[in-house]
């Protein structure tokens, strides 16, 4: 059964982040940015996968848990909470992504505390909010499947909006920042806060959704942080070294999950446009 928490109506900006993927250095830099902007903890929403590739799984889970940010389960939280032996990421068997996932998942599974596991189990699957009479559903992969990959080039998503029962869907999981119209609806992904966007830069991503005269304004933001320290910590841990390299090169070591359009953009610095909706 899918669980949902309604966060109510927001009249001031909300920050969206997701995919911290155990990157404490990026998470700390993001929290400092939020403090400088005056965005309170209850206006910072995490779309899942606080844990994955990087070296600080327990520290990142504890960080988000302690601050009380509204958050949902990603597939990784769901699997760790259930005591499963794989990440449930949706990788095809035998692909490079699948082969390295066992390594970082085992590392995270051994590192987190029982309290953190219970916190993950209690997280809802979805969140809902309203801003300027526009309704949003926050999911990890898609409304129907926690580990579905949706990208800017994805099509045939009308049924997902019917399932969500909302004007816009705010999702995570895929790791790339984009905002794309689908008819009268909008699909938004803030990108990954802990892993670069395969664009050849070490930047990571978040977004801010703010009320405006015409509805809402969604703005993507790149974040620079101490990626050298994050990579160095991975290099001294039993973790996939290909992803330690990603933190500095900004290039994914495997493109298994990407559609052809997104593959063709590898190494091209991203600059997602600001979108006003409706």
C-alpha atoms as a PDB file:
ATOM      1  CA  UNK A   1       0.000   0.000   0.000  1.00  0.00           C
ATOM      2  CA  UNK A   2       1.362   3.415  -1.015  1.00  0.00           C
ATOM      3  CA  UNK A   3       1.592   5.902   1.844  1.00  0.00           C
ATOM      4  CA  UNK A   4       1.257   9.646   1.314  1.00  0.00           C
ATOM      5  CA  UNK A   5       1.649  12.670   3.569  1.00  0.00           C
ATOM      6  CA  UNK A   6       0.051  15.984   2.604  1.00  0.00           C
ATOM      7  CA  UNK A   7       2.341  18.873   3.562  1.00  0.00           C
ATOM      8  CA  UNK A   8      -0.385  21.439   2.990  1.00  0.00           C
ATOM      9  CA  UNK A   9      -0.259  24.845   1.309  1.00  0.00           C
ATOM     10  CA  UNK A  10       3.029  26.720   0.872  1.00  0.00           C
ATOM     11  CA  UNK A  11       3.197  30.486   0.431  1.00  0.00           C
ATOM     12  CA  UNK A  12       7.000  30.827   0.368  1.00  0.00           C
ATOM     13  CA  UNK A  13       9.792  29.075  -1.585  1.00  0.00           C
ATOM     14  CA  UNK A  14      10.443  25.363  -1.199  1.00  0.00           C
ATOM     15  CA  UNK A  15      13.801  23.723  -1.925  1.00  0.00           C
ATOM     16  CA  UNK A  16      13.839  20.334  -3.643  1.00  0.00           C
ATOM     17  CA  UNK A  17      16.762  17.958  -3.389  1.00  0.00           C
ATOM     18  CA  UNK A  18      17.284  14.246  -3.853  1.00  0.00           C
ATOM     19  CA  UNK A  19      19.908  11.629  -4.461  1.00  0.00           C
ATOM     20  CA  UNK A  20      22.349  12.672  -1.745  1.00  0.00           C
ATOM     21  CA  UNK A  21      23.860   9.198  -2.338  1.00  0.00           C
ATOM     22  CA  UNK A  22      25.989   9.257   0.858  1.00  0.00           C
ATOM     23  CA  UNK A  23      27.859  12.428  -0.176  1.00  0.00           C
ATOM     24  CA  UNK A  24      28.239  14.295   3.116  1.00  0.00           C
ATOM     25  CA  UNK A  25      30.354  17.088   1.647  1.00  0.00           C
ATOM     26  CA  UNK A  26      27.670  17.986  -0.902  1.00  0.00           C
ATOM     27  CA  UNK A  27      24.904  17.650   1.681  1.00  0.00           C
ATOM     28  CA  UNK A  28      26.694  19.965   4.111  1.00  0.00           C
ATOM     29  CA  UNK A  29      27.308  22.565   1.389  1.00  0.00           C
ATOM     30  CA  UNK A  30      23.638  22.425   0.415  1.00  0.00           C
ATOM     31  CA  UNK A  31      22.495  22.911   4.015  1.00  0.00           C
ATOM     32  CA  UNK A  32      24.789  25.927   4.297  1.00  0.00           C
ATOM     33  CA  UNK A  33      23.287  27.345   1.094  1.00  0.00           C
ATOM     34  CA  UNK A  34      19.770  26.879   2.474  1.00  0.00           C
ATOM     35  CA  UNK A  35      20.722  28.658   5.695  1.00  0.00           C
ATOM     36  CA  UNK A  36      22.134  31.582   3.704  1.00  0.00           C
ATOM     37  CA  UNK A  37      18.856  31.818   1.775  1.00  0.00           C
ATOM     38  CA  UNK A  38      16.743  31.628   4.918  1.00  0.00           C
ATOM     39  CA  UNK A  39      14.913  28.484   3.805  1.00  0.00           C
ATOM     40  CA  UNK A  40      13.705  26.631   6.901  1.00  0.00           C
ATOM     41  CA  UNK A  41      13.944  22.886   7.467  1.00  0.00           C
ATOM     42  CA  UNK A  42      10.226  22.298   6.868  1.00  0.00           C
ATOM     43  CA  UNK A  43      10.621  23.888   3.411  1.00  0.00           C
ATOM     44  CA  UNK A  44      13.428  21.527   2.291  1.00  0.00           C
ATOM     45  CA  UNK A  45      12.093  18.375   0.633  1.00  0.00           C
ATOM     46  CA  UNK A  46      14.174  15.279  -0.146  1.00  0.00           C
ATOM     47  CA  UNK A  47      12.981  12.968  -2.932  1.00  0.00           C
ATOM     48  CA  UNK A  48      14.784   9.809  -1.774  1.00  0.00           C
ATOM     49  CA  UNK A  49      18.078   7.908  -2.026  1.00  0.00           C
ATOM     50  CA  UNK A  50      19.900   9.742   0.741  1.00  0.00           C
ATOM     51  CA  UNK A  51      22.233   6.723   0.600  1.00  0.00           C
ATOM     52  CA  UNK A  52      24.088   5.153  -2.340  1.00  0.00           C
ATOM     53  CA  UNK A  53      27.506   5.388  -4.013  1.00  0.00           C
ATOM     54  CA  UNK A  54      29.577   7.605  -1.706  1.00  0.00           C
ATOM     55  CA  UNK A  55      31.446   7.144   1.571  1.00  0.00           C
ATOM     56  CA  UNK A  56      29.172   8.572   4.298  1.00  0.00           C
ATOM     57  CA  UNK A  57      25.886   6.615   4.375  1.00  0.00           C
ATOM     58  CA  UNK A  58      25.224   6.722   8.123  1.00  0.00           C
ATOM     59  CA  UNK A  59      26.323  10.345   8.395  1.00  0.00           C
ATOM     60  CA  UNK A  60      24.004  11.462   5.578  1.00  0.00           C
ATOM     61  CA  UNK A  61      21.017   9.521   6.900  1.00  0.00           C
ATOM     62  CA  UNK A  62      21.624  10.961  10.352  1.00  0.00           C
ATOM     63  CA  UNK A  63      21.971  14.488   8.935  1.00  0.00           C
ATOM     64  CA  UNK A  64      18.589  14.469   7.166  1.00  0.00           C
ATOM     65  CA  UNK A  65      16.919  12.559   9.995  1.00  0.00           C
ATOM     66  CA  UNK A  66      18.104  15.040  12.651  1.00  0.00           C
ATOM     67  CA  UNK A  67      16.930  18.084  10.710  1.00  0.00           C
ATOM     68  CA  UNK A  68      13.459  16.753  10.079  1.00  0.00           C
ATOM     69  CA  UNK A  69      13.329  17.627   6.402  1.00  0.00           C
ATOM     70  CA  UNK A  70      10.161  16.301   4.753  1.00  0.00           C
ATOM     71  CA  UNK A  71      11.369  13.224   2.875  1.00  0.00           C
ATOM     72  CA  UNK A  72      10.139  10.147   1.066  1.00  0.00           C
ATOM     73  CA  UNK A  73      11.546   6.681   0.618  1.00  0.00           C
ATOM     74  CA  UNK A  74      13.742   6.117  -2.379  1.00  0.00           C
ATOM     75  CA  UNK A  75      14.287   2.562  -3.512  1.00  0.00           C
ATOM     76  CA  UNK A  76      17.472   2.437  -1.413  1.00  0.00           C
ATOM     77  CA  UNK A  77      15.675   3.479   1.794  1.00  0.00           C
ATOM     78  CA  UNK A  78      12.931   0.948   1.073  1.00  0.00           C
ATOM     79  CA  UNK A  79      15.424  -1.880   0.555  1.00  0.00           C
ATOM     80  CA  UNK A  80      17.564  -1.018   3.584  1.00  0.00           C
ATOM     81  CA  UNK A  81      14.481  -0.737   5.785  1.00  0.00           C
ATOM     82  CA  UNK A  82      13.274  -4.136   4.597  1.00  0.00           C
ATOM     83  CA  UNK A  83      16.645  -5.804   5.167  1.00  0.00           C
ATOM     84  CA  UNK A  84      16.939  -6.685   1.481  1.00  0.00           C
ATOM     85  CA  UNK A  85      20.266  -7.716  -0.031  1.00  0.00           C
ATOM     86  CA  UNK A  86      20.189  -5.417  -3.084  1.00  0.00           C
ATOM     87  CA  UNK A  87      19.437  -1.773  -3.793  1.00  0.00           C
ATOM     88  CA  UNK A  88      16.289  -2.287  -5.859  1.00  0.00           C
ATOM     89  CA  UNK A  89      17.570   0.348  -8.278  1.00  0.00           C
ATOM     90  CA  UNK A  90      16.005  -1.203 -11.365  1.00  0.00           C
ATOM     91  CA  UNK A  91      19.296  -1.919 -13.135  1.00  0.00           C
ATOM     92  CA  UNK A  92      19.260  -4.706 -15.702  1.00  0.00           C
ATOM     93  CA  UNK A  93      21.047  -7.842 -14.514  1.00  0.00           C
ATOM     94  CA  UNK A  94      24.701  -7.989 -15.460  1.00  0.00           C
ATOM     95  CA  UNK A  95      25.024  -4.363 -16.548  1.00  0.00           C
ATOM     96  CA  UNK A  96      27.912  -2.283 -15.168  1.00  0.00           C
ATOM     97  CA  UNK A  97      25.542  -0.365 -12.881  1.00  0.00           C
ATOM     98  CA  UNK A  98      24.151  -3.623 -11.519  1.00  0.00           C
ATOM     99  CA  UNK A  99      27.587  -5.129 -10.948  1.00  0.00           C
ATOM    100  CA  UNK A 100      28.904  -2.239  -8.831  1.00  0.00           C
ATOM    101  CA  UNK A 101      25.680  -1.650  -6.899  1.00  0.00           C
ATOM    102  CA  UNK A 102      26.269  -4.680  -4.708  1.00  0.00           C
ATOM    103  CA  UNK A 103      29.508  -3.160  -3.472  1.00  0.00           C
ATOM    104  CA  UNK A 104      28.171   0.203  -2.327  1.00  0.00           C
ATOM    105  CA  UNK A 105      24.911  -1.292  -1.051  1.00  0.00           C
ATOM    106  CA  UNK A 106      26.729  -3.786   1.181  1.00  0.00           C
ATOM    107  CA  UNK A 107      28.916  -0.966   2.521  1.00  0.00           C
ATOM    108  CA  UNK A 108      25.860   1.152   3.359  1.00  0.00           C
ATOM    109  CA  UNK A 109      23.900  -1.766   4.794  1.00  0.00           C
ATOM    110  CA  UNK A 110      26.714  -2.468   7.247  1.00  0.00           C
ATOM    111  CA  UNK A 111      27.173   1.192   8.196  1.00  0.00           C
ATOM    112  CA  UNK A 112      23.711   2.462   9.091  1.00  0.00           C
ATOM    113  CA  UNK A 113      22.229   2.230  12.576  1.00  0.00           C
ATOM    114  CA  UNK A 114      19.043   0.500  13.683  1.00  0.00           C
ATOM    115  CA  UNK A 115      17.487   3.904  14.417  1.00  0.00           C
ATOM    116  CA  UNK A 116      18.247   5.032  10.876  1.00  0.00           C
ATOM    117  CA  UNK A 117      16.728   1.869   9.464  1.00  0.00           C
ATOM    118  CA  UNK A 118      13.555   2.470  11.483  1.00  0.00           C
ATOM    119  CA  UNK A 119      13.455   6.078  10.278  1.00  0.00           C
ATOM    120  CA  UNK A 120      13.664   4.900   6.670  1.00  0.00           C
ATOM    121  CA  UNK A 121      10.871   2.386   7.237  1.00  0.00           C
ATOM    122  CA  UNK A 122       8.617   5.148   8.568  1.00  0.00           C
ATOM    123  CA  UNK A 123       9.147   7.496   5.613  1.00  0.00           C
ATOM    124  CA  UNK A 124       6.121   7.885   3.333  1.00  0.00           C
ATOM    125  CA  UNK A 125       6.201   6.778  -0.290  1.00  0.00           C
ATOM    126  CA  UNK A 126       4.807  10.061  -1.584  1.00  0.00           C
ATOM    127  CA  UNK A 127       4.321  13.630  -0.398  1.00  0.00           C
ATOM    128  CA  UNK A 128       1.793  16.189  -1.618  1.00  0.00           C
ATOM    129  CA  UNK A 129       1.747  19.960  -1.471  1.00  0.00           C
ATOM    130  CA  UNK A 130      -0.095  22.942  -2.888  1.00  0.00           C
ATOM    131  CA  UNK A 131       1.314  26.316  -3.940  1.00  0.00           C
ATOM    132  CA  UNK A 132      -0.764  29.095  -5.519  1.00  0.00           C
ATOM    133  CA  UNK A 133      -3.582  26.578  -6.104  1.00  0.00           C
ATOM    134  CA  UNK A 134      -1.218  24.303  -8.053  1.00  0.00           C
ATOM    135  CA  UNK A 135      -1.031  20.744  -6.760  1.00  0.00           C
ATOM    136  CA  UNK A 136       2.147  18.681  -6.681  1.00  0.00           C
ATOM    137  CA  UNK A 137       2.867  15.038  -5.917  1.00  0.00           C
ATOM    138  CA  UNK A 138       6.406  14.188  -4.783  1.00  0.00           C
ATOM    139  CA  UNK A 139       7.541  10.688  -5.753  1.00  0.00           C
ATOM    140  CA  UNK A 140      10.870   8.913  -6.136  1.00  0.00           C
ATOM    141  CA  UNK A 141      10.714   7.209  -9.535  1.00  0.00           C
ATOM    142  CA  UNK A 142       7.123   7.607 -10.708  1.00  0.00           C
ATOM    143  CA  UNK A 143       3.698   7.490  -9.042  1.00  0.00           C
ATOM    144  CA  UNK A 144       3.318   3.826  -9.951  1.00  0.00           C
ATOM    145  CA  UNK A 145       6.881   2.537  -9.466  1.00  0.00           C
ATOM    146  CA  UNK A 146       9.566   3.649  -7.056  1.00  0.00           C
ATOM    147  CA  UNK A 147      12.465   2.690  -9.347  1.00  0.00           C
ATOM    148  CA  UNK A 148      11.179   3.880 -12.724  1.00  0.00           C
ATOM    149  CA  UNK A 149      13.630   6.056 -14.642  1.00  0.00           C
ATOM    150  CA  UNK A 150      12.036   9.162 -16.162  1.00  0.00           C
ATOM    151  CA  UNK A 151      14.148  11.625 -18.148  1.00  0.00           C
ATOM    152  CA  UNK A 152      13.525  14.817 -20.105  1.00  0.00           C
ATOM    153  CA  UNK A 153      13.176  12.750 -23.282  1.00  0.00           C
ATOM    154  CA  UNK A 154      10.627  10.347 -21.762  1.00  0.00           C
ATOM    155  CA  UNK A 155       7.188  10.260 -23.361  1.00  0.00           C
ATOM    156  CA  UNK A 156       3.780   8.671 -22.729  1.00  0.00           C
ATOM    157  CA  UNK A 157       3.578   9.934 -19.151  1.00  0.00           C
ATOM    158  CA  UNK A 158      -0.066  11.054 -19.200  1.00  0.00           C
ATOM    159  CA  UNK A 159      -1.177   8.042 -17.164  1.00  0.00           C
ATOM    160  CA  UNK A 160       1.304   8.959 -14.441  1.00  0.00           C
ATOM    161  CA  UNK A 161      -0.395  12.316 -13.925  1.00  0.00           C
ATOM    162  CA  UNK A 162      -3.756  10.538 -13.738  1.00  0.00           C
ATOM    163  CA  UNK A 163      -2.359   8.279 -11.013  1.00  0.00           C
ATOM    164  CA  UNK A 164      -0.823  11.238  -9.183  1.00  0.00           C
ATOM    165  CA  UNK A 165      -3.979  13.319  -9.353  1.00  0.00           C
ATOM    166  CA  UNK A 166      -1.836  16.459  -9.411  1.00  0.00           C
ATOM    167  CA  UNK A 167      -0.825  19.269 -11.738  1.00  0.00           C
ATOM    168  CA  UNK A 168       2.886  18.564 -11.407  1.00  0.00           C
ATOM    169  CA  UNK A 169       5.030  15.589 -10.468  1.00  0.00           C
ATOM    170  CA  UNK A 170       8.260  16.183  -8.580  1.00  0.00           C
ATOM    171  CA  UNK A 171      10.514  13.139  -8.855  1.00  0.00           C
ATOM    172  CA  UNK A 172      14.043  11.899  -8.263  1.00  0.00           C
ATOM    173  CA  UNK A 173      15.883   8.643  -9.048  1.00  0.00           C
ATOM    174  CA  UNK A 174      17.148   9.394 -12.559  1.00  0.00           C
ATOM    175  CA  UNK A 175      19.939  11.744 -11.423  1.00  0.00           C
ATOM    176  CA  UNK A 176      19.545  14.424 -14.114  1.00  0.00           C
ATOM    177  CA  UNK A 177      17.927  17.846 -13.574  1.00  0.00           C
ATOM    178  CA  UNK A 178      15.077  18.837 -15.877  1.00  0.00           C
ATOM    179  CA  UNK A 179      11.613  20.370 -15.997  1.00  0.00           C
ATOM    180  CA  UNK A 180       9.426  19.253 -18.893  1.00  0.00           C
ATOM    181  CA  UNK A 181       5.839  20.018 -19.891  1.00  0.00           C
ATOM    182  CA  UNK A 182       3.493  17.175 -20.747  1.00  0.00           C
ATOM    183  CA  UNK A 183       0.259  18.688 -22.022  1.00  0.00           C
ATOM    184  CA  UNK A 184      -1.219  20.702 -19.162  1.00  0.00           C
ATOM    185  CA  UNK A 185       1.096  19.049 -16.653  1.00  0.00           C
ATOM    186  CA  UNK A 186       4.720  19.382 -15.591  1.00  0.00           C
ATOM    187  CA  UNK A 187       7.357  16.804 -14.629  1.00  0.00           C
ATOM    188  CA  UNK A 188      10.210  18.155 -12.516  1.00  0.00           C
ATOM    189  CA  UNK A 189      13.429  16.520 -11.333  1.00  0.00           C
ATOM    190  CA  UNK A 190      15.879  18.550  -9.252  1.00  0.00           C
ATOM    191  CA  UNK A 191      18.752  16.245 -10.214  1.00  0.00           C
ATOM    192  CA  UNK A 192      21.129  14.537  -7.804  1.00  0.00           C
ATOM    193  CA  UNK A 193      22.577  16.434  -4.858  1.00  0.00           C
ATOM    194  CA  UNK A 194      25.367  13.899  -4.431  1.00  0.00           C
ATOM    195  CA  UNK A 195      26.449  12.845  -7.917  1.00  0.00           C
ATOM    196  CA  UNK A 196      27.306  15.020 -10.943  1.00  0.00           C
ATOM    197  CA  UNK A 197      24.885  15.068 -13.857  1.00  0.00           C
ATOM    198  CA  UNK A 198      27.166  13.391 -16.442  1.00  0.00           C
ATOM    199  CA  UNK A 199      27.838  16.832 -17.900  1.00  0.00           C
ATOM    200  CA  UNK A 200      31.608  16.943 -17.458  1.00  0.00           C
ATOM    201  CA  UNK A 201      31.500  19.192 -14.394  1.00  0.00           C
ATOM    202  CA  UNK A 202      31.751  18.305 -10.700  1.00  0.00           C
ATOM    203  CA  UNK A 203      28.601  20.309  -9.938  1.00  0.00           C
ATOM    204  CA  UNK A 204      25.596  18.752  -8.228  1.00  0.00           C
ATOM    205  CA  UNK A 205      22.016  19.995  -8.367  1.00  0.00           C
ATOM    206  CA  UNK A 206      18.952  21.138  -6.446  1.00  0.00           C
ATOM    207  CA  UNK A 207      15.966  23.357  -7.251  1.00  0.00           C
ATOM    208  CA  UNK A 208      13.701  25.958  -5.707  1.00  0.00           C
ATOM    209  CA  UNK A 209       9.971  26.226  -6.354  1.00  0.00           C
ATOM    210  CA  UNK A 210       8.527  29.637  -5.525  1.00  0.00           C
ATOM    211  CA  UNK A 211       5.104  31.264  -5.855  1.00  0.00           C
ATOM    212  CA  UNK A 212       4.832  33.997  -8.476  1.00  0.00           C
ATOM    213  CA  UNK A 213       2.103  36.161  -9.973  1.00  0.00           C
ATOM    214  CA  UNK A 214       1.359  33.643 -12.699  1.00  0.00           C
ATOM    215  CA  UNK A 215       1.534  30.512 -10.562  1.00  0.00           C
ATOM    216  CA  UNK A 216       4.871  28.979  -9.613  1.00  0.00           C
ATOM    217  CA  UNK A 217       8.446  29.435 -10.764  1.00  0.00           C
ATOM    218  CA  UNK A 218      10.834  26.453 -10.823  1.00  0.00           C
ATOM    219  CA  UNK A 219      14.542  27.242 -10.921  1.00  0.00           C
ATOM    220  CA  UNK A 220      17.399  24.738 -11.141  1.00  0.00           C
ATOM    221  CA  UNK A 221      20.605  25.509  -9.265  1.00  0.00           C
ATOM    222  CA  UNK A 222      24.066  23.984  -9.579  1.00  0.00           C
ATOM    223  CA  UNK A 223      26.119  23.575  -6.410  1.00  0.00           C
ATOM    224  CA  UNK A 224      29.887  23.492  -6.153  1.00  0.00           C
ATOM    225  CA  UNK A 225      31.357  21.866  -3.049  1.00  0.00           C
ATOM    226  CA  UNK A 226      34.484  20.102  -1.772  1.00  0.00           C
ATOM    227  CA  UNK A 227      34.261  17.208  -4.207  1.00  0.00           C
ATOM    228  CA  UNK A 228      37.953  16.402  -3.799  1.00  0.00           C
ATOM    229  CA  UNK A 229      37.400  15.407  -0.159  1.00  0.00           C
ATOM    230  CA  UNK A 230      34.303  13.395  -1.065  1.00  0.00           C
ATOM    231  CA  UNK A 231      36.287  11.518  -3.727  1.00  0.00           C
ATOM    232  CA  UNK A 232      39.262  10.955  -1.412  1.00  0.00           C
ATOM    233  CA  UNK A 233      36.996   9.381   1.209  1.00  0.00           C
ATOM    234  CA  UNK A 234      35.669   6.973  -1.420  1.00  0.00           C
ATOM    235  CA  UNK A 235      39.200   6.069  -2.477  1.00  0.00           C
ATOM    236  CA  UNK A 236      40.024   4.802   1.020  1.00  0.00           C
ATOM    237  CA  UNK A 237      36.780   2.829   1.416  1.00  0.00           C
ATOM    238  CA  UNK A 238      35.662  -0.485  -0.135  1.00  0.00           C
ATOM    239  CA  UNK A 239      33.563   1.325  -2.732  1.00  0.00           C
ATOM    240  CA  UNK A 240      33.434   1.445  -6.559  1.00  0.00           C
ATOM    241  CA  UNK A 241      36.412   3.571  -7.562  1.00  0.00           C
ATOM    242  CA  UNK A 242      34.774   4.389 -10.873  1.00  0.00           C
ATOM    243  CA  UNK A 243      32.278   6.524  -8.950  1.00  0.00           C
ATOM    244  CA  UNK A 244      35.018   8.191  -6.915  1.00  0.00           C
ATOM    245  CA  UNK A 245      36.377   9.340 -10.270  1.00  0.00           C
ATOM    246  CA  UNK A 246      32.913  10.566 -11.287  1.00  0.00           C
ATOM    247  CA  UNK A 247      32.921  13.053  -8.418  1.00  0.00           C
ATOM    248  CA  UNK A 248      35.892  14.839  -9.990  1.00  0.00           C
ATOM    249  CA  UNK A 249      35.315  14.307 -13.730  1.00  0.00           C
ATOM    250  CA  UNK A 250      31.561  14.816 -13.741  1.00  0.00           C
ATOM    251  CA  UNK A 251      31.134  11.818 -16.051  1.00  0.00           C
ATOM    252  CA  UNK A 252      29.191   8.684 -15.196  1.00  0.00           C
ATOM    253  CA  UNK A 253      31.194   5.445 -15.565  1.00  0.00           C
ATOM    254  CA  UNK A 254      28.223   3.660 -17.141  1.00  0.00           C
ATOM    255  CA  UNK A 255      25.252   4.917 -19.132  1.00  0.00           C
ATOM    256  CA  UNK A 256      23.059   1.818 -18.907  1.00  0.00           C
ATOM    257  CA  UNK A 257      19.949   3.661 -17.718  1.00  0.00           C
ATOM    258  CA  UNK A 258      20.119   6.604 -20.134  1.00  0.00           C
ATOM    259  CA  UNK A 259      17.994   6.978 -23.280  1.00  0.00           C
ATOM    260  CA  UNK A 260      19.870   7.852 -26.472  1.00  0.00           C
ATOM    261  CA  UNK A 261      19.070  11.571 -26.238  1.00  0.00           C
ATOM    262  CA  UNK A 262      20.583  11.845 -22.767  1.00  0.00           C
ATOM    263  CA  UNK A 263      23.578   9.711 -23.780  1.00  0.00           C
ATOM    264  CA  UNK A 264      24.287  12.149 -26.618  1.00  0.00           C
ATOM    265  CA  UNK A 265      24.579  14.996 -24.097  1.00  0.00           C
ATOM    266  CA  UNK A 266      27.393  13.341 -22.119  1.00  0.00           C
ATOM    267  CA  UNK A 267      30.062  15.873 -21.177  1.00  0.00           C
ATOM    268  CA  UNK A 268      27.999  18.919 -22.160  1.00  0.00           C
ATOM    269  CA  UNK A 269      27.563  21.331 -19.210  1.00  0.00           C
ATOM    270  CA  UNK A 270      23.900  21.626 -18.292  1.00  0.00           C
ATOM    271  CA  UNK A 271      21.923  24.837 -17.857  1.00  0.00           C
ATOM    272  CA  UNK A 272      18.287  23.817 -17.332  1.00  0.00           C
ATOM    273  CA  UNK A 273      15.886  26.705 -17.977  1.00  0.00           C
ATOM    274  CA  UNK A 274      13.677  28.297 -15.343  1.00  0.00           C
ATOM    275  CA  UNK A 275      10.028  27.405 -15.909  1.00  0.00           C
ATOM    276  CA  UNK A 276       6.916  29.348 -14.914  1.00  0.00           C
ATOM    277  CA  UNK A 277       3.783  27.217 -14.576  1.00  0.00           C
ATOM    278  CA  UNK A 278       1.084  27.233 -15.748  1.00  0.00           C
END
